[in-house]
Amino acid sequence: MTAKIRENIKRLQVQAGAKVDGLWGLNSQKSLTDSGKRLTYEPGKLAKHFGPLKQSQVNGFDSILEACNQYGGNAINPLYFAYMLATTWHETARTMRPIEEYGKGRGRPYGGRIDIHGGRYSDLLPIYYGRGYVQLTWLTNYVLMRRLLGVDFVNKPELALDPKHAADIMIIGMLEGHFTGKSLSRYIRYGSFEQFKNARRVINGTDKDTLIAGYAIKFLDCLTIQ
């Protein structure tokens, strides 16, 4: 664990009323949950780490923050939240806006019309390419998120581009391991660079894992509890 991560965890533990030891574990999370406080971020620190932000980027941060605070529980674990922000920063090319997959699935197995008529393809059915803060792909995953969130992503996959829905998909997908079968809790235990790096497997193997881990550490520095 780097000194910077430990320093930030200690700061957050003080704000949460938890035992201060520089390791954010179950006891720290319980203290935060019991306190009734909310996670937020310091705009000045965001600008320090990531430069001047457009209003659209700020809106993205605020949308994810609000969704996580509404969800509660592990969604407001500062380590998880920092990593979700880092993932969104990377997956949306720093726009912090839900996006459509580049190429809209062209050349991918999920990038064609669904065959439901014995070899004839229906032009009325959507194509289930990636959409959102993290790329939701495949019909089965749109069906799953419809069941979990009660939103008809199957018939209207464009709803995954709504900031609130996109945030909810990311939160439940990363917390419960619906994207790759691996959840954040499998990799992020108390807070370390290596844990942030390994958490990339929740989304996409090891692709850009070191880069995104670096973002997570910076986002952790921006967080505060009030």
C-alpha atoms as a PDB file:
ATOM      1  CA  MET A   1       0.000   0.000   0.000  1.00  0.00           C
ATOM      2  CA  THR A   2       1.342   3.446  -0.861  1.00  0.00           C
ATOM      3  CA  ALA A   3       1.626   6.159   1.766  1.00  0.00           C
ATOM      4  CA  LYS A   4      -0.828   8.299  -0.237  1.00  0.00           C
ATOM      5  CA  ILE A   5      -3.545   5.642  -0.180  1.00  0.00           C
ATOM      6  CA  ARG A   6      -3.081   5.060   3.558  1.00  0.00           C
ATOM      7  CA  GLU A   7      -3.195   8.805   4.208  1.00  0.00           C
ATOM      8  CA  ASN A   8      -6.474   9.156   2.334  1.00  0.00           C
ATOM      9  CA  ILE A   9      -8.045   6.144   3.997  1.00  0.00           C
ATOM     10  CA  LYS A  10      -7.135   7.518   7.433  1.00  0.00           C
ATOM     11  CA  ARG A  11      -8.717  10.852   6.504  1.00  0.00           C
ATOM     12  CA  LEU A  12     -11.919   9.121   5.413  1.00  0.00           C
ATOM     13  CA  GLN A  13     -11.963   6.955   8.546  1.00  0.00           C
ATOM     14  CA  VAL A  14     -11.863  10.069  10.710  1.00  0.00           C
ATOM     15  CA  GLN A  15     -14.768  11.553   8.743  1.00  0.00           C
ATOM     16  CA  ALA A  16     -16.751   8.313   9.073  1.00  0.00           C
ATOM     17  CA  GLY A  17     -16.080   7.994  12.800  1.00  0.00           C
ATOM     18  CA  ALA A  18     -14.226   4.710  12.277  1.00  0.00           C
ATOM     19  CA  LYS A  19     -11.095   3.307  13.885  1.00  0.00           C
ATOM     20  CA  VAL A  20      -8.158   4.991  12.205  1.00  0.00           C
ATOM     21  CA  ASP A  21      -5.665   2.419  10.940  1.00  0.00           C
ATOM     22  CA  GLY A  22      -5.330   3.200   7.237  1.00  0.00           C
ATOM     23  CA  LEU A  23      -7.113   0.004   6.170  1.00  0.00           C
ATOM     24  CA  TRP A  24     -10.678   0.407   4.920  1.00  0.00           C
ATOM     25  CA  GLY A  25     -12.397  -2.859   5.844  1.00  0.00           C
ATOM     26  CA  LEU A  26     -15.783  -4.075   7.064  1.00  0.00           C
ATOM     27  CA  ASN A  27     -15.599  -2.140  10.344  1.00  0.00           C
ATOM     28  CA  SER A  28     -14.854   1.129   8.566  1.00  0.00           C
ATOM     29  CA  GLN A  29     -17.696   0.523   6.148  1.00  0.00           C
ATOM     30  CA  LYS A  30     -20.090  -0.253   9.014  1.00  0.00           C
ATOM     31  CA  SER A  31     -19.113   2.970  10.758  1.00  0.00           C
ATOM     32  CA  LEU A  32     -19.832   4.926   7.585  1.00  0.00           C
ATOM     33  CA  THR A  33     -23.187   3.198   7.061  1.00  0.00           C
ATOM     34  CA  ASP A  34     -24.220   3.685  10.702  1.00  0.00           C
ATOM     35  CA  SER A  35     -23.237   7.359  10.611  1.00  0.00           C
ATOM     36  CA  GLY A  36     -25.841   8.172   7.961  1.00  0.00           C
ATOM     37  CA  LYS A  37     -23.306  10.374   6.205  1.00  0.00           C
ATOM     38  CA  ARG A  38     -22.879  10.628   2.458  1.00  0.00           C
ATOM     39  CA  LEU A  39     -19.965  10.413   0.096  1.00  0.00           C
ATOM     40  CA  THR A  40     -19.090  13.480  -1.903  1.00  0.00           C
ATOM     41  CA  TYR A  41     -16.031  14.930  -3.627  1.00  0.00           C
ATOM     42  CA  GLU A  42     -13.961  18.072  -3.533  1.00  0.00           C
ATOM     43  CA  PRO A  43     -14.179  19.914  -6.879  1.00  0.00           C
ATOM     44  CA  GLY A  44     -10.834  21.614  -6.309  1.00  0.00           C
ATOM     45  CA  LYS A  45      -9.065  18.284  -5.976  1.00  0.00           C
ATOM     46  CA  LEU A  46     -10.754  16.974  -9.119  1.00  0.00           C
ATOM     47  CA  ALA A  47      -9.401  19.947 -11.017  1.00  0.00           C
ATOM     48  CA  LYS A  48      -5.968  19.430  -9.442  1.00  0.00           C
ATOM     49  CA  HIS A  49      -5.749  15.828 -10.626  1.00  0.00           C
ATOM     50  CA  PHE A  50      -7.666  15.967 -13.905  1.00  0.00           C
ATOM     51  CA  GLY A  51      -7.554  19.578 -15.037  1.00  0.00           C
ATOM     52  CA  PRO A  52     -10.433  22.001 -15.673  1.00  0.00           C
ATOM     53  CA  LEU A  53     -13.682  20.120 -16.162  1.00  0.00           C
ATOM     54  CA  LYS A  54     -16.561  20.847 -18.501  1.00  0.00           C
ATOM     55  CA  GLN A  55     -20.030  21.141 -16.980  1.00  0.00           C
ATOM     56  CA  SER A  56     -21.016  17.929 -18.745  1.00  0.00           C
ATOM     57  CA  GLN A  57     -18.204  16.092 -16.948  1.00  0.00           C
ATOM     58  CA  VAL A  58     -19.264  17.547 -13.593  1.00  0.00           C
ATOM     59  CA  ASN A  59     -22.822  16.437 -14.338  1.00  0.00           C
ATOM     60  CA  GLY A  60     -21.526  12.917 -14.881  1.00  0.00           C
ATOM     61  CA  PHE A  61     -19.691  12.876 -11.558  1.00  0.00           C
ATOM     62  CA  ASP A  62     -22.794  14.186  -9.811  1.00  0.00           C
ATOM     63  CA  SER A  63     -25.062  11.616 -11.459  1.00  0.00           C
ATOM     64  CA  ILE A  64     -22.891   8.700 -10.345  1.00  0.00           C
ATOM     65  CA  LEU A  65     -22.467  10.187  -6.875  1.00  0.00           C
ATOM     66  CA  GLU A  66     -26.209  10.586  -6.414  1.00  0.00           C
ATOM     67  CA  ALA A  67     -26.919   7.059  -7.654  1.00  0.00           C
ATOM     68  CA  CYS A  68     -24.349   5.557  -5.278  1.00  0.00           C
ATOM     69  CA  ASN A  69     -25.646   7.507  -2.282  1.00  0.00           C
ATOM     70  CA  GLN A  70     -29.190   6.423  -3.102  1.00  0.00           C
ATOM     71  CA  TYR A  71     -28.108   2.797  -3.446  1.00  0.00           C
ATOM     72  CA  GLY A  72     -26.193   2.968  -0.163  1.00  0.00           C
ATOM     73  CA  GLY A  73     -24.371   0.024   1.385  1.00  0.00           C
ATOM     74  CA  ASN A  74     -21.260  -1.010  -0.499  1.00  0.00           C
ATOM     75  CA  ALA A  75     -21.985   1.520  -3.243  1.00  0.00           C
ATOM     76  CA  ILE A  76     -20.657   4.179  -0.850  1.00  0.00           C
ATOM     77  CA  ASN A  77     -17.546   2.229   0.065  1.00  0.00           C
ATOM     78  CA  PRO A  78     -14.956   4.918  -0.824  1.00  0.00           C
ATOM     79  CA  LEU A  79     -12.612   2.347  -2.386  1.00  0.00           C
ATOM     80  CA  TYR A  80     -15.353   0.919  -4.593  1.00  0.00           C
ATOM     81  CA  PHE A  81     -16.659   4.374  -5.470  1.00  0.00           C
ATOM     82  CA  ALA A  82     -13.204   5.628  -6.437  1.00  0.00           C
ATOM     83  CA  TYR A  83     -12.761   2.608  -8.671  1.00  0.00           C
ATOM     84  CA  MET A  84     -16.184   3.086 -10.291  1.00  0.00           C
ATOM     85  CA  LEU A  85     -15.263   6.678 -11.094  1.00  0.00           C
ATOM     86  CA  ALA A  86     -11.925   5.535 -12.504  1.00  0.00           C
ATOM     87  CA  THR A  87     -13.678   2.950 -14.665  1.00  0.00           C
ATOM     88  CA  THR A  88     -16.165   5.513 -15.960  1.00  0.00           C
ATOM     89  CA  TRP A  89     -13.385   8.032 -16.652  1.00  0.00           C
ATOM     90  CA  HIS A  90     -11.637   5.431 -18.792  1.00  0.00           C
ATOM     91  CA  GLU A  91     -14.623   3.756 -20.457  1.00  0.00           C
ATOM     92  CA  THR A  92     -16.228   7.045 -21.532  1.00  0.00           C
ATOM     93  CA  ALA A  93     -12.958   8.544 -22.806  1.00  0.00           C
ATOM     94  CA  ARG A  94     -13.092  11.100 -19.963  1.00  0.00           C
ATOM     95  CA  THR A  95     -16.448  12.514 -21.055  1.00  0.00           C
ATOM     96  CA  MET A  96     -18.255  11.119 -17.974  1.00  0.00           C
ATOM     97  CA  ARG A  97     -21.291  10.684 -20.208  1.00  0.00           C
ATOM     98  CA  PRO A  98     -22.979   7.376 -21.059  1.00  0.00           C
ATOM     99  CA  ILE A  99     -21.825   6.481 -24.556  1.00  0.00           C
ATOM    100  CA  GLU A 100     -22.592   4.054 -27.348  1.00  0.00           C
ATOM    101  CA  GLU A 101     -19.939   1.530 -28.286  1.00  0.00           C
ATOM    102  CA  TYR A 102     -17.702   2.766 -31.083  1.00  0.00           C
ATOM    103  CA  GLY A 103     -18.813   0.988 -34.253  1.00  0.00           C
ATOM    104  CA  LYS A 104     -22.046  -0.103 -32.545  1.00  0.00           C
ATOM    105  CA  GLY A 105     -20.938  -3.714 -32.331  1.00  0.00           C
ATOM    106  CA  ARG A 106     -19.940  -4.029 -35.973  1.00  0.00           C
ATOM    107  CA  GLY A 107     -18.011  -7.257 -36.438  1.00  0.00           C
ATOM    108  CA  ARG A 108     -18.869  -8.491 -32.932  1.00  0.00           C
ATOM    109  CA  PRO A 109     -21.009 -11.579 -32.280  1.00  0.00           C
ATOM    110  CA  TYR A 110     -23.591  -9.399 -30.517  1.00  0.00           C
ATOM    111  CA  GLY A 111     -23.527  -6.753 -33.253  1.00  0.00           C
ATOM    112  CA  GLY A 112     -26.268  -8.194 -35.491  1.00  0.00           C
ATOM    113  CA  ARG A 113     -30.025  -8.500 -35.450  1.00  0.00           C
ATOM    114  CA  ILE A 114     -31.485 -11.275 -33.322  1.00  0.00           C
ATOM    115  CA  ASP A 115     -32.687 -14.268 -35.357  1.00  0.00           C
ATOM    116  CA  ILE A 116     -36.156 -15.272 -34.151  1.00  0.00           C
ATOM    117  CA  HIS A 117     -37.772 -16.343 -37.429  1.00  0.00           C
ATOM    118  CA  GLY A 118     -35.846 -19.402 -38.584  1.00  0.00           C
ATOM    119  CA  GLY A 119     -33.106 -17.586 -40.430  1.00  0.00           C
ATOM    120  CA  ARG A 120     -34.957 -14.355 -41.112  1.00  0.00           C
ATOM    121  CA  TYR A 121     -33.830 -11.308 -39.154  1.00  0.00           C
ATOM    122  CA  SER A 122     -36.322  -8.822 -37.798  1.00  0.00           C
ATOM    123  CA  ASP A 123     -35.644  -5.167 -38.489  1.00  0.00           C
ATOM    124  CA  LEU A 124     -37.909  -4.351 -35.565  1.00  0.00           C
ATOM    125  CA  LEU A 125     -35.547  -5.727 -32.928  1.00  0.00           C
ATOM    126  CA  PRO A 126     -32.693  -3.628 -31.509  1.00  0.00           C
ATOM    127  CA  ILE A 127     -29.024  -4.500 -31.694  1.00  0.00           C
ATOM    128  CA  TYR A 128     -27.565  -5.108 -28.250  1.00  0.00           C
ATOM    129  CA  TYR A 129     -24.195  -3.426 -28.648  1.00  0.00           C
ATOM    130  CA  GLY A 130     -22.474  -1.616 -25.772  1.00  0.00           C
ATOM    131  CA  ARG A 131     -24.184   1.323 -24.108  1.00  0.00           C
ATOM    132  CA  GLY A 132     -23.708   3.201 -20.856  1.00  0.00           C
ATOM    133  CA  TYR A 133     -20.909   4.231 -18.507  1.00  0.00           C
ATOM    134  CA  VAL A 134     -19.635   0.665 -18.845  1.00  0.00           C
ATOM    135  CA  GLN A 135     -20.533  -1.160 -22.014  1.00  0.00           C
ATOM    136  CA  LEU A 136     -23.631  -3.311 -21.546  1.00  0.00           C
ATOM    137  CA  THR A 137     -23.597  -5.881 -24.375  1.00  0.00           C
ATOM    138  CA  TRP A 138     -25.536  -9.014 -25.406  1.00  0.00           C
ATOM    139  CA  LEU A 139     -29.294  -9.530 -25.190  1.00  0.00           C
ATOM    140  CA  THR A 140     -28.917 -11.763 -22.116  1.00  0.00           C
ATOM    141  CA  ASN A 141     -27.355  -8.879 -20.184  1.00  0.00           C
ATOM    142  CA  TYR A 142     -30.066  -6.446 -21.247  1.00  0.00           C
ATOM    143  CA  VAL A 143     -32.613  -9.019 -20.050  1.00  0.00           C
ATOM    144  CA  LEU A 144     -30.756  -9.395 -16.751  1.00  0.00           C
ATOM    145  CA  MET A 145     -30.656  -5.656 -16.095  1.00  0.00           C
ATOM    146  CA  ARG A 146     -34.352  -5.366 -16.968  1.00  0.00           C
ATOM    147  CA  ARG A 147     -35.073  -7.948 -14.275  1.00  0.00           C
ATOM    148  CA  LEU A 148     -32.749  -6.399 -11.694  1.00  0.00           C
ATOM    149  CA  LEU A 149     -33.682  -2.751 -12.214  1.00  0.00           C
ATOM    150  CA  GLY A 150     -37.249  -2.970 -13.522  1.00  0.00           C
ATOM    151  CA  VAL A 151     -36.445  -0.926 -16.637  1.00  0.00           C
ATOM    152  CA  ASP A 152     -37.274  -2.288 -20.108  1.00  0.00           C
ATOM    153  CA  PHE A 153     -33.781  -2.240 -21.598  1.00  0.00           C
ATOM    154  CA  VAL A 154     -34.748  -5.119 -23.909  1.00  0.00           C
ATOM    155  CA  ASN A 155     -37.260  -3.229 -26.020  1.00  0.00           C
ATOM    156  CA  LYS A 156     -35.621   0.130 -25.441  1.00  0.00           C
ATOM    157  CA  PRO A 157     -31.855  -0.466 -25.080  1.00  0.00           C
ATOM    158  CA  GLU A 158     -31.273   3.274 -25.514  1.00  0.00           C
ATOM    159  CA  LEU A 159     -32.491   3.647 -21.924  1.00  0.00           C
ATOM    160  CA  ALA A 160     -29.055   2.370 -20.859  1.00  0.00           C
ATOM    161  CA  LEU A 161     -27.756   5.755 -22.047  1.00  0.00           C
ATOM    162  CA  ASP A 162     -29.804   7.629 -19.457  1.00  0.00           C
ATOM    163  CA  PRO A 163     -27.306   8.793 -16.777  1.00  0.00           C
ATOM    164  CA  LYS A 164     -29.385   7.424 -13.881  1.00  0.00           C
ATOM    165  CA  HIS A 165     -29.897   4.047 -15.521  1.00  0.00           C
ATOM    166  CA  ALA A 166     -26.282   3.902 -16.687  1.00  0.00           C
ATOM    167  CA  ALA A 167     -25.102   4.528 -13.130  1.00  0.00           C
ATOM    168  CA  ASP A 168     -27.447   1.894 -11.694  1.00  0.00           C
ATOM    169  CA  ILE A 169     -26.256  -0.676 -14.248  1.00  0.00           C
ATOM    170  CA  MET A 170     -22.638   0.027 -13.369  1.00  0.00           C
ATOM    171  CA  ILE A 171     -23.242  -0.088  -9.612  1.00  0.00           C
ATOM    172  CA  ILE A 172     -25.173  -3.350  -9.499  1.00  0.00           C
ATOM    173  CA  GLY A 173     -22.989  -4.936 -12.178  1.00  0.00           C
ATOM    174  CA  MET A 174     -19.711  -4.170 -10.432  1.00  0.00           C
ATOM    175  CA  LEU A 175     -20.930  -4.845  -6.894  1.00  0.00           C
ATOM    176  CA  GLU A 176     -22.594  -8.167  -7.744  1.00  0.00           C
ATOM    177  CA  GLY A 177     -20.230  -9.354 -10.470  1.00  0.00           C
ATOM    178  CA  HIS A 178     -22.693  -9.446 -13.357  1.00  0.00           C
ATOM    179  CA  PHE A 179     -20.247  -8.300 -16.046  1.00  0.00           C
ATOM    180  CA  THR A 180     -17.529 -10.954 -15.812  1.00  0.00           C
ATOM    181  CA  GLY A 181     -18.642 -13.083 -12.873  1.00  0.00           C
ATOM    182  CA  LYS A 182     -16.230 -11.175 -10.607  1.00  0.00           C
ATOM    183  CA  SER A 183     -17.244  -8.491  -8.106  1.00  0.00           C
ATOM    184  CA  LEU A 184     -15.354  -5.571  -6.589  1.00  0.00           C
ATOM    185  CA  SER A 185     -15.310  -7.282  -3.194  1.00  0.00           C
ATOM    186  CA  ARG A 186     -13.282 -10.111  -4.680  1.00  0.00           C
ATOM    187  CA  TYR A 187     -10.343  -7.792  -5.349  1.00  0.00           C
ATOM    188  CA  ILE A 188     -10.661  -4.642  -3.251  1.00  0.00           C
ATOM    189  CA  ARG A 189     -10.413  -5.564   0.427  1.00  0.00           C
ATOM    190  CA  TYR A 190      -8.728  -2.754   2.382  1.00  0.00           C
ATOM    191  CA  GLY A 191      -7.145  -0.541  -0.271  1.00  0.00           C
ATOM    192  CA  SER A 192      -3.887  -0.901  -2.204  1.00  0.00           C
ATOM    193  CA  PHE A 193      -2.596  -0.168  -5.677  1.00  0.00           C
ATOM    194  CA  GLU A 194      -2.410  -3.883  -6.477  1.00  0.00           C
ATOM    195  CA  GLN A 195      -6.019  -4.390  -5.428  1.00  0.00           C
ATOM    196  CA  PHE A 196      -7.157  -1.507  -7.646  1.00  0.00           C
ATOM    197  CA  LYS A 197      -5.127  -2.986 -10.478  1.00  0.00           C
ATOM    198  CA  ASN A 198      -6.631  -6.470 -10.091  1.00  0.00           C
ATOM    199  CA  ALA A 199     -10.151  -5.017  -9.921  1.00  0.00           C
ATOM    200  CA  ARG A 200     -10.010  -4.417 -13.675  1.00  0.00           C
ATOM    201  CA  ARG A 201     -11.073  -8.058 -14.000  1.00  0.00           C
ATOM    202  CA  VAL A 202     -14.539  -6.993 -12.868  1.00  0.00           C
ATOM    203  CA  ILE A 203     -14.940  -5.289 -16.265  1.00  0.00           C
ATOM    204  CA  ASN A 204     -12.387  -6.398 -18.838  1.00  0.00           C
ATOM    205  CA  GLY A 205      -9.563  -8.731 -17.909  1.00  0.00           C
ATOM    206  CA  THR A 206      -6.319  -6.837 -17.453  1.00  0.00           C
ATOM    207  CA  ASP A 207      -6.796  -4.249 -20.205  1.00  0.00           C
ATOM    208  CA  LYS A 208      -5.353  -0.890 -19.034  1.00  0.00           C
ATOM    209  CA  ASP A 209      -5.399  -2.173 -15.446  1.00  0.00           C
ATOM    210  CA  THR A 210      -2.417  -0.104 -14.269  1.00  0.00           C
ATOM    211  CA  LEU A 211      -3.721   3.088 -15.875  1.00  0.00           C
ATOM    212  CA  ILE A 212      -7.160   2.732 -14.289  1.00  0.00           C
ATOM    213  CA  ALA A 213      -5.673   1.871 -10.891  1.00  0.00           C
ATOM    214  CA  GLY A 214      -3.782   5.152 -11.066  1.00  0.00           C
ATOM    215  CA  TYR A 215      -7.020   7.003 -11.760  1.00  0.00           C
ATOM    216  CA  ALA A 216      -8.661   5.288  -8.773  1.00  0.00           C
ATOM    217  CA  ILE A 217      -5.950   6.517  -6.400  1.00  0.00           C
ATOM    218  CA  LYS A 218      -6.451  10.072  -7.633  1.00  0.00           C
ATOM    219  CA  PHE A 219     -10.224   9.829  -7.263  1.00  0.00           C
ATOM    220  CA  LEU A 220      -9.810   8.462  -3.745  1.00  0.00           C
ATOM    221  CA  ASP A 221      -7.871  11.612  -2.898  1.00  0.00           C
ATOM    222  CA  CYS A 222     -10.850  13.680  -4.095  1.00  0.00           C
ATOM    223  CA  LEU A 223     -13.443  11.972  -1.905  1.00  0.00           C
ATOM    224  CA  THR A 224     -14.795  13.223   1.387  1.00  0.00           C
ATOM    225  CA  ILE A 225     -17.531  12.095   3.782  1.00  0.00           C
ATOM    226  CA  GLN A 226     -20.112  14.565   5.100  1.00  0.00           C
END
